[in-house]
């Protein structure tokens, strides 16, 4: 990926951004680990992220999940095996490709994930309850813009 030189008068802003995103990413990983354990005590943080993506994109193929996260198929396969062994996801043959499977949450997986999602939303509310609603919406919109920019990095 080609990089552009940051203009000197903007350097401080990008340093602050880099530092704050680093804090956000580290805390996000810790929160994902904590929330993942509420879904199932044996669930790893990476598997929780995959479970969330299956919720968004179901039915999902493992190859699409690997591409989405920018990781190898073997990495995703190991996580999917754990999710399946824990009874959180199920597989069914892909009618368009007999070699592939489509992944969905099981009823148990859906219930556990939904409870964890509500708890996570409650936590965000507790953190941001003193913010005006418009600030919360603005943060969500800015993060969406940032996520859209970074969507192509992994591919």
N, C-alpha and C. Protein backbone atom coordinates (compact mmCIF):
# COMPACT_ATOMS: atom_id res chain seq x y z
N UNK A 1 0.84 -1.16 0.00
CA UNK A 1 0.00 0.00 0.00
C UNK A 1 0.90 1.24 0.00
N UNK A 2 0.61 2.15 -0.87
CA UNK A 2 1.38 3.38 -0.99
C UNK A 2 0.94 4.36 0.10
N UNK A 3 1.92 5.01 0.71
CA UNK A 3 1.58 5.98 1.75
C UNK A 3 1.93 7.38 1.28
N UNK A 4 1.21 8.34 1.80
CA UNK A 4 1.46 9.75 1.48
C UNK A 4 2.10 10.40 2.70
N UNK A 5 2.95 11.36 2.45
CA UNK A 5 3.57 12.08 3.55
C UNK A 5 2.53 12.98 4.21
N UNK A 6 2.52 12.97 5.53
CA UNK A 6 1.57 13.81 6.27
C UNK A 6 2.12 15.23 6.27
N UNK A 7 1.31 16.19 5.85
CA UNK A 7 1.77 17.59 5.92
C UNK A 7 2.15 17.96 7.36
N UNK A 8 3.19 18.72 7.52
CA UNK A 8 3.71 19.07 8.85
C UNK A 8 2.64 19.67 9.75
N UNK A 9 1.79 20.52 9.20
CA UNK A 9 0.78 21.18 10.03
C UNK A 9 -0.35 20.23 10.47
N UNK A 10 -0.42 19.03 9.88
CA UNK A 10 -1.44 18.04 10.25
C UNK A 10 -0.86 16.89 11.06
N UNK A 11 0.45 16.84 11.21
CA UNK A 11 1.12 15.70 11.84
C UNK A 11 0.60 15.42 13.25
N UNK A 12 0.43 16.45 14.06
CA UNK A 12 -0.03 16.28 15.43
C UNK A 12 -1.41 15.62 15.48
N UNK A 13 -2.29 16.00 14.59
CA UNK A 13 -3.64 15.41 14.56
C UNK A 13 -3.57 13.92 14.26
N UNK A 14 -2.70 13.52 13.33
CA UNK A 14 -2.59 12.11 12.98
C UNK A 14 -1.88 11.31 14.06
N UNK A 15 -0.96 11.94 14.78
CA UNK A 15 -0.34 11.28 15.93
C UNK A 15 -1.39 11.01 17.01
N UNK A 16 -2.23 12.00 17.28
CA UNK A 16 -3.30 11.84 18.27
C UNK A 16 -4.28 10.76 17.83
N UNK A 17 -4.63 10.74 16.56
CA UNK A 17 -5.54 9.72 16.03
C UNK A 17 -4.94 8.33 16.20
N UNK A 18 -3.68 8.18 15.82
CA UNK A 18 -3.02 6.88 15.93
C UNK A 18 -3.00 6.40 17.38
N UNK A 19 -2.70 7.31 18.30
CA UNK A 19 -2.64 6.95 19.70
C UNK A 19 -4.02 6.55 20.23
N UNK A 20 -5.04 7.32 19.92
CA UNK A 20 -6.39 7.03 20.40
C UNK A 20 -6.97 5.75 19.78
N UNK A 21 -6.69 5.51 18.51
CA UNK A 21 -7.16 4.26 17.89
C UNK A 21 -6.46 3.06 18.53
N UNK A 22 -5.18 3.21 18.86
CA UNK A 22 -4.47 2.13 19.55
C UNK A 22 -5.14 1.78 20.87
N UNK A 23 -5.50 2.80 21.64
CA UNK A 23 -6.20 2.58 22.91
C UNK A 23 -7.55 1.91 22.64
N UNK A 24 -8.29 2.43 21.67
CA UNK A 24 -9.60 1.86 21.34
C UNK A 24 -9.48 0.39 20.94
N UNK A 25 -8.52 0.05 20.09
CA UNK A 25 -8.37 -1.33 19.62
C UNK A 25 -7.99 -2.26 20.77
N UNK A 26 -7.09 -1.83 21.65
CA UNK A 26 -6.70 -2.68 22.78
C UNK A 26 -7.89 -2.91 23.71
N UNK A 27 -8.61 -1.85 24.01
CA UNK A 27 -9.77 -1.99 24.89
C UNK A 27 -10.89 -2.79 24.23
N UNK A 28 -11.01 -2.64 22.92
CA UNK A 28 -12.02 -3.40 22.18
C UNK A 28 -11.72 -4.90 22.25
N UNK A 29 -10.45 -5.27 22.09
CA UNK A 29 -10.09 -6.69 22.20
C UNK A 29 -10.42 -7.23 23.59
N UNK A 30 -10.12 -6.43 24.62
CA UNK A 30 -10.43 -6.86 25.99
C UNK A 30 -11.94 -7.00 26.18
N UNK A 31 -12.70 -6.04 25.66
CA UNK A 31 -14.16 -6.11 25.77
C UNK A 31 -14.70 -7.31 25.00
N UNK A 32 -14.16 -7.57 23.81
CA UNK A 32 -14.60 -8.74 23.04
C UNK A 32 -14.34 -10.03 23.80
N UNK A 33 -13.20 -10.10 24.47
CA UNK A 33 -12.90 -11.30 25.26
C UNK A 33 -13.91 -11.46 26.39
N UNK A 34 -14.22 -10.36 27.06
CA UNK A 34 -15.17 -10.40 28.16
C UNK A 34 -16.57 -10.76 27.67
N UNK A 35 -17.01 -10.13 26.59
CA UNK A 35 -18.34 -10.40 26.05
C UNK A 35 -18.40 -11.82 25.50
N UNK A 36 -17.32 -12.26 24.86
CA UNK A 36 -17.28 -13.63 24.34
C UNK A 36 -17.48 -14.65 25.44
N UNK A 37 -16.89 -14.40 26.60
CA UNK A 37 -17.06 -15.33 27.72
C UNK A 37 -18.50 -15.33 28.23
N UNK A 38 -19.23 -14.23 28.03
CA UNK A 38 -20.65 -14.24 28.43
C UNK A 38 -21.48 -15.08 27.47
N UNK A 39 -21.03 -15.17 26.21
CA UNK A 39 -21.72 -16.05 25.26
C UNK A 39 -21.47 -17.50 25.65
N UNK A 40 -20.20 -17.81 25.92
CA UNK A 40 -19.82 -19.14 26.38
C UNK A 40 -18.47 -19.03 27.06
N UNK A 41 -18.30 -19.64 28.24
CA UNK A 41 -17.05 -19.49 28.98
C UNK A 41 -15.80 -19.93 28.21
N UNK A 42 -15.96 -20.82 27.23
CA UNK A 42 -14.81 -21.32 26.47
C UNK A 42 -14.58 -20.57 25.16
N UNK A 43 -15.36 -19.53 24.91
CA UNK A 43 -15.27 -18.81 23.64
C UNK A 43 -14.09 -17.84 23.64
N UNK A 44 -13.25 -17.94 22.62
CA UNK A 44 -12.11 -17.04 22.46
C UNK A 44 -12.57 -15.74 21.81
N UNK A 45 -11.82 -14.64 22.04
CA UNK A 45 -12.21 -13.35 21.44
C UNK A 45 -12.35 -13.40 19.92
N UNK A 46 -11.43 -14.09 19.24
CA UNK A 46 -11.51 -14.19 17.78
C UNK A 46 -12.76 -14.91 17.32
N UNK A 47 -13.13 -15.92 18.04
CA UNK A 47 -14.33 -16.68 17.69
C UNK A 47 -15.58 -15.84 17.92
N UNK A 48 -15.55 -14.98 18.94
CA UNK A 48 -16.69 -14.09 19.17
C UNK A 48 -16.88 -13.15 17.98
N UNK A 49 -15.79 -12.61 17.46
CA UNK A 49 -15.87 -11.74 16.29
C UNK A 49 -16.45 -12.47 15.08
N UNK A 50 -16.03 -13.70 14.90
CA UNK A 50 -16.56 -14.50 13.78
C UNK A 50 -18.04 -14.77 13.98
N UNK A 51 -18.41 -15.07 15.21
CA UNK A 51 -19.83 -15.31 15.51
C UNK A 51 -20.66 -14.07 15.16
N UNK A 52 -20.15 -12.91 15.52
CA UNK A 52 -20.85 -11.66 15.19
C UNK A 52 -20.99 -11.45 13.70
N UNK A 53 -19.96 -11.80 12.95
CA UNK A 53 -20.04 -11.65 11.50
C UNK A 53 -21.04 -12.64 10.90
N UNK A 54 -21.11 -13.83 11.45
CA UNK A 54 -22.11 -14.80 10.97
C UNK A 54 -23.51 -14.24 11.19
N UNK A 55 -23.72 -13.59 12.33
CA UNK A 55 -25.03 -12.97 12.60
C UNK A 55 -25.35 -11.96 11.50
N UNK A 56 -24.37 -11.14 11.14
CA UNK A 56 -24.59 -10.09 10.14
C UNK A 56 -24.78 -10.64 8.73
N UNK A 57 -24.08 -11.71 8.39
CA UNK A 57 -24.02 -12.16 7.00
C UNK A 57 -24.66 -13.52 6.74
N UNK A 58 -25.34 -14.09 7.72
CA UNK A 58 -25.87 -15.44 7.58
C UNK A 58 -26.85 -15.54 6.42
N UNK A 59 -26.83 -16.67 5.73
CA UNK A 59 -25.87 -17.75 5.90
C UNK A 59 -24.52 -17.36 5.31
N UNK A 60 -23.46 -17.75 5.99
CA UNK A 60 -22.11 -17.34 5.59
C UNK A 60 -21.28 -18.55 5.20
N UNK A 61 -20.38 -18.33 4.27
CA UNK A 61 -19.38 -19.34 3.90
C UNK A 61 -18.09 -19.06 4.66
N UNK A 62 -17.37 -20.09 4.99
CA UNK A 62 -16.11 -19.90 5.72
C UNK A 62 -15.11 -19.10 4.88
N UNK A 63 -15.11 -19.30 3.58
CA UNK A 63 -14.18 -18.53 2.73
C UNK A 63 -14.50 -17.04 2.74
N UNK A 64 -15.79 -16.70 2.80
CA UNK A 64 -16.19 -15.30 2.88
C UNK A 64 -15.78 -14.69 4.23
N UNK A 65 -15.87 -15.49 5.28
CA UNK A 65 -15.46 -15.01 6.60
C UNK A 65 -13.95 -14.75 6.62
N UNK A 66 -13.19 -15.66 6.05
CA UNK A 66 -11.73 -15.48 5.99
C UNK A 66 -11.39 -14.21 5.23
N UNK A 67 -12.04 -13.98 4.11
CA UNK A 67 -11.78 -12.78 3.31
C UNK A 67 -12.19 -11.52 4.09
N UNK A 68 -13.31 -11.57 4.76
CA UNK A 68 -13.79 -10.41 5.52
C UNK A 68 -12.79 -9.99 6.60
N UNK A 69 -12.24 -10.99 7.31
CA UNK A 69 -11.31 -10.69 8.39
C UNK A 69 -9.86 -10.59 7.92
N UNK A 70 -9.61 -10.93 6.66
CA UNK A 70 -8.25 -10.85 6.14
C UNK A 70 -7.32 -11.87 6.76
N UNK A 71 -7.85 -13.06 7.02
CA UNK A 71 -7.04 -14.14 7.60
C UNK A 71 -7.16 -15.37 6.71
N UNK A 72 -6.32 -16.34 6.98
CA UNK A 72 -6.34 -17.57 6.21
C UNK A 72 -7.54 -18.44 6.51
N UNK A 73 -7.88 -19.28 5.55
CA UNK A 73 -9.02 -20.18 5.73
C UNK A 73 -8.81 -21.14 6.90
N UNK A 74 -7.55 -21.54 7.12
CA UNK A 74 -7.26 -22.47 8.22
C UNK A 74 -7.56 -21.81 9.57
N UNK A 75 -7.25 -20.54 9.70
CA UNK A 75 -7.52 -19.81 10.94
C UNK A 75 -9.01 -19.77 11.21
N UNK A 76 -9.78 -19.43 10.19
CA UNK A 76 -11.23 -19.38 10.35
C UNK A 76 -11.78 -20.78 10.62
N UNK A 77 -11.26 -21.77 9.94
CA UNK A 77 -11.76 -23.14 10.14
C UNK A 77 -11.58 -23.60 11.58
N UNK A 78 -10.45 -23.26 12.20
CA UNK A 78 -10.24 -23.65 13.60
C UNK A 78 -11.27 -22.98 14.50
N UNK A 79 -11.53 -21.72 14.28
CA UNK A 79 -12.51 -21.01 15.09
C UNK A 79 -13.92 -21.56 14.86
N UNK A 80 -14.24 -21.84 13.61
CA UNK A 80 -15.57 -22.39 13.29
C UNK A 80 -15.77 -23.75 13.94
N UNK A 81 -14.72 -24.54 13.98
CA UNK A 81 -14.81 -25.86 14.62
C UNK A 81 -15.17 -25.70 16.10
N UNK A 82 -14.54 -24.73 16.76
CA UNK A 82 -14.84 -24.48 18.17
C UNK A 82 -16.29 -24.02 18.32
N UNK A 83 -16.71 -23.08 17.48
CA UNK A 83 -18.10 -22.59 17.56
C UNK A 83 -19.10 -23.72 17.36
N UNK A 84 -18.78 -24.62 16.45
CA UNK A 84 -19.67 -25.75 16.19
C UNK A 84 -19.66 -26.72 17.38
N UNK A 85 -18.49 -27.01 17.92
CA UNK A 85 -18.39 -27.91 19.07
C UNK A 85 -19.13 -27.36 20.29
N UNK A 86 -19.16 -26.04 20.42
CA UNK A 86 -19.87 -25.42 21.53
C UNK A 86 -21.37 -25.33 21.29
N UNK A 87 -21.82 -25.76 20.10
CA UNK A 87 -23.24 -25.76 19.78
C UNK A 87 -23.79 -24.39 19.41
N UNK A 88 -22.89 -23.46 19.01
CA UNK A 88 -23.32 -22.10 18.70
C UNK A 88 -23.65 -21.90 17.23
N UNK A 89 -23.04 -22.70 16.36
CA UNK A 89 -23.33 -22.61 14.93
C UNK A 89 -23.60 -24.00 14.37
N UNK A 90 -24.27 -24.00 13.23
CA UNK A 90 -24.52 -25.22 12.49
C UNK A 90 -24.14 -25.02 11.04
N UNK A 91 -23.93 -26.11 10.34
CA UNK A 91 -23.57 -26.08 8.93
C UNK A 91 -24.63 -26.81 8.12
N UNK A 92 -24.79 -26.33 6.90
CA UNK A 92 -25.64 -27.04 5.95
C UNK A 92 -24.97 -26.93 4.58
N UNK A 93 -25.18 -27.91 3.73
CA UNK A 93 -24.55 -27.86 2.41
C UNK A 93 -25.01 -26.63 1.63
N UNK A 94 -24.07 -26.03 0.91
CA UNK A 94 -24.38 -24.89 0.05
C UNK A 94 -25.02 -25.42 -1.22
N UNK A 95 -26.26 -25.05 -1.50
CA UNK A 95 -26.93 -25.58 -2.70
C UNK A 95 -26.26 -25.12 -4.00
N UNK A 96 -25.49 -24.05 -3.95
CA UNK A 96 -24.81 -23.55 -5.15
C UNK A 96 -23.42 -24.13 -5.34
N UNK A 97 -22.87 -24.73 -4.28
CA UNK A 97 -21.52 -25.30 -4.35
C UNK A 97 -21.46 -26.48 -3.41
N UNK A 98 -21.52 -27.68 -3.96
CA UNK A 98 -21.55 -28.89 -3.15
C UNK A 98 -20.34 -29.08 -2.27
N UNK A 99 -19.23 -28.39 -2.55
CA UNK A 99 -18.03 -28.52 -1.72
C UNK A 99 -18.07 -27.62 -0.50
N UNK A 100 -18.93 -26.63 -0.50
CA UNK A 100 -18.96 -25.63 0.57
C UNK A 100 -20.15 -25.86 1.50
N UNK A 101 -20.06 -25.21 2.66
CA UNK A 101 -21.15 -25.24 3.64
C UNK A 101 -21.56 -23.81 3.97
N UNK A 102 -22.82 -23.67 4.33
CA UNK A 102 -23.33 -22.39 4.81
C UNK A 102 -23.45 -22.47 6.32
N UNK A 103 -23.07 -21.39 6.98
CA UNK A 103 -23.05 -21.35 8.43
C UNK A 103 -24.14 -20.44 8.96
N UNK A 104 -24.82 -20.90 9.99
CA UNK A 104 -25.86 -20.13 10.68
C UNK A 104 -25.72 -20.37 12.17
N UNK A 105 -26.25 -19.46 12.96
CA UNK A 105 -26.30 -19.69 14.39
C UNK A 105 -27.37 -20.73 14.69
N UNK A 106 -27.10 -21.54 15.69
CA UNK A 106 -28.13 -22.43 16.20
C UNK A 106 -29.06 -21.59 17.06
N UNK A 107 -30.16 -22.16 17.47
CA UNK A 107 -31.07 -21.42 18.37
C UNK A 107 -30.34 -21.05 19.66
N UNK A 108 -29.57 -21.99 20.19
CA UNK A 108 -28.78 -21.72 21.40
C UNK A 108 -27.77 -20.60 21.14
N UNK A 109 -27.10 -20.65 20.01
CA UNK A 109 -26.15 -19.62 19.66
C UNK A 109 -26.79 -18.26 19.53
N UNK A 110 -27.96 -18.22 18.92
CA UNK A 110 -28.70 -16.95 18.76
C UNK A 110 -29.09 -16.37 20.11
N UNK A 111 -29.62 -17.20 20.98
CA UNK A 111 -30.03 -16.71 22.31
C UNK A 111 -28.84 -16.18 23.09
N UNK A 112 -27.74 -16.92 23.08
CA UNK A 112 -26.55 -16.50 23.82
C UNK A 112 -25.97 -15.22 23.23
N UNK A 113 -25.91 -15.15 21.91
CA UNK A 113 -25.35 -13.96 21.27
C UNK A 113 -26.24 -12.74 21.53
N UNK A 114 -27.54 -12.91 21.43
CA UNK A 114 -28.45 -11.79 21.67
C UNK A 114 -28.33 -11.27 23.11
N UNK A 115 -28.21 -12.18 24.09
CA UNK A 115 -28.04 -11.74 25.48
C UNK A 115 -26.74 -10.94 25.63
N UNK A 116 -25.68 -11.42 25.00
CA UNK A 116 -24.39 -10.72 25.08
C UNK A 116 -24.47 -9.37 24.39
N UNK A 117 -25.16 -9.30 23.26
CA UNK A 117 -25.30 -8.03 22.53
C UNK A 117 -26.06 -7.01 23.37
N UNK A 118 -27.13 -7.41 24.01
CA UNK A 118 -27.90 -6.50 24.86
C UNK A 118 -27.02 -6.02 26.02
N UNK A 119 -26.26 -6.93 26.62
CA UNK A 119 -25.37 -6.54 27.72
C UNK A 119 -24.31 -5.55 27.23
N UNK A 120 -23.79 -5.76 26.04
CA UNK A 120 -22.78 -4.85 25.47
C UNK A 120 -23.41 -3.48 25.19
N UNK A 121 -24.61 -3.46 24.64
CA UNK A 121 -25.29 -2.19 24.39
C UNK A 121 -25.59 -1.47 25.70
N UNK A 122 -25.99 -2.20 26.72
CA UNK A 122 -26.22 -1.59 28.04
C UNK A 122 -24.93 -0.98 28.59
N UNK A 123 -23.83 -1.66 28.35
CA UNK A 123 -22.54 -1.14 28.81
C UNK A 123 -22.20 0.16 28.08
N UNK A 124 -22.41 0.20 26.78
CA UNK A 124 -22.15 1.43 26.03
C UNK A 124 -23.06 2.56 26.52
N UNK A 125 -24.31 2.23 26.80
CA UNK A 125 -25.23 3.24 27.32
C UNK A 125 -24.72 3.79 28.65
N UNK A 126 -24.28 2.89 29.53
CA UNK A 126 -23.76 3.33 30.83
C UNK A 126 -22.54 4.24 30.66
N UNK A 127 -21.70 3.93 29.71
CA UNK A 127 -20.51 4.75 29.45
C UNK A 127 -20.87 6.11 28.87
N UNK A 128 -21.85 6.13 27.98
CA UNK A 128 -22.14 7.34 27.20
C UNK A 128 -23.43 8.05 27.62
N UNK A 129 -24.04 7.64 28.69
CA UNK A 129 -25.34 8.20 29.09
C UNK A 129 -25.29 9.71 29.31
N UNK A 130 -24.13 10.23 29.65
CA UNK A 130 -24.04 11.68 29.88
C UNK A 130 -23.83 12.46 28.58
N UNK A 131 -23.59 11.78 27.49
CA UNK A 131 -23.42 12.44 26.20
C UNK A 131 -24.78 12.76 25.61
N UNK A 132 -24.89 13.87 24.90
CA UNK A 132 -26.13 14.11 24.15
C UNK A 132 -26.30 13.02 23.08
N UNK A 133 -27.53 12.66 22.83
CA UNK A 133 -27.81 11.62 21.82
C UNK A 133 -27.17 11.96 20.48
N UNK A 134 -27.16 13.21 20.11
CA UNK A 134 -26.56 13.61 18.83
C UNK A 134 -25.05 13.30 18.79
N UNK A 135 -24.36 13.42 19.92
CA UNK A 135 -22.94 13.06 19.97
C UNK A 135 -22.75 11.56 19.77
N UNK A 136 -23.64 10.77 20.36
CA UNK A 136 -23.56 9.32 20.20
C UNK A 136 -23.80 8.96 18.73
N UNK A 137 -24.79 9.57 18.11
CA UNK A 137 -25.07 9.33 16.69
C UNK A 137 -23.88 9.77 15.83
N UNK A 138 -23.29 10.90 16.16
CA UNK A 138 -22.15 11.41 15.41
C UNK A 138 -20.96 10.45 15.52
N UNK A 139 -20.70 9.95 16.72
CA UNK A 139 -19.63 8.97 16.90
C UNK A 139 -19.88 7.73 16.04
N UNK A 140 -21.11 7.23 16.07
CA UNK A 140 -21.45 6.05 15.27
C UNK A 140 -21.25 6.32 13.78
N UNK A 141 -21.64 7.50 13.32
CA UNK A 141 -21.48 7.85 11.90
C UNK A 141 -20.00 7.98 11.53
N UNK A 142 -19.21 8.58 12.38
CA UNK A 142 -17.78 8.73 12.10
C UNK A 142 -17.09 7.36 12.07
N UNK A 143 -17.45 6.49 13.01
CA UNK A 143 -16.88 5.15 13.02
C UNK A 143 -17.30 4.37 11.77
N UNK A 144 -18.53 4.56 11.34
CA UNK A 144 -18.99 3.90 10.11
C UNK A 144 -18.18 4.37 8.91
N UNK A 145 -17.93 5.67 8.84
CA UNK A 145 -17.11 6.21 7.74
C UNK A 145 -15.70 5.62 7.78
N UNK A 146 -15.12 5.56 8.97
CA UNK A 146 -13.78 5.00 9.13
C UNK A 146 -13.77 3.52 8.74
N UNK A 147 -14.76 2.77 9.23
CA UNK A 147 -14.83 1.34 8.90
C UNK A 147 -14.99 1.12 7.41
N UNK A 148 -15.75 1.97 6.74
CA UNK A 148 -15.91 1.84 5.29
C UNK A 148 -14.57 2.06 4.58
N UNK A 149 -13.77 2.99 5.07
CA UNK A 149 -12.45 3.22 4.48
C UNK A 149 -11.52 2.03 4.68
N UNK A 150 -11.61 1.41 5.84
CA UNK A 150 -10.70 0.32 6.16
C UNK A 150 -11.17 -1.03 5.61
N UNK A 151 -12.37 -1.09 5.09
CA UNK A 151 -12.95 -2.35 4.60
C UNK A 151 -12.07 -3.00 3.54
N UNK A 152 -11.42 -2.21 2.72
CA UNK A 152 -10.62 -2.77 1.62
C UNK A 152 -9.20 -3.10 2.02
N UNK A 153 -8.77 -2.74 3.22
CA UNK A 153 -7.39 -3.00 3.64
C UNK A 153 -7.09 -4.49 3.70
N UNK A 154 -8.02 -5.28 4.24
CA UNK A 154 -7.78 -6.70 4.42
C UNK A 154 -7.84 -7.48 3.11
N UNK A 155 -8.46 -6.91 2.10
CA UNK A 155 -8.61 -7.67 0.85
C UNK A 155 -7.56 -7.31 -0.16
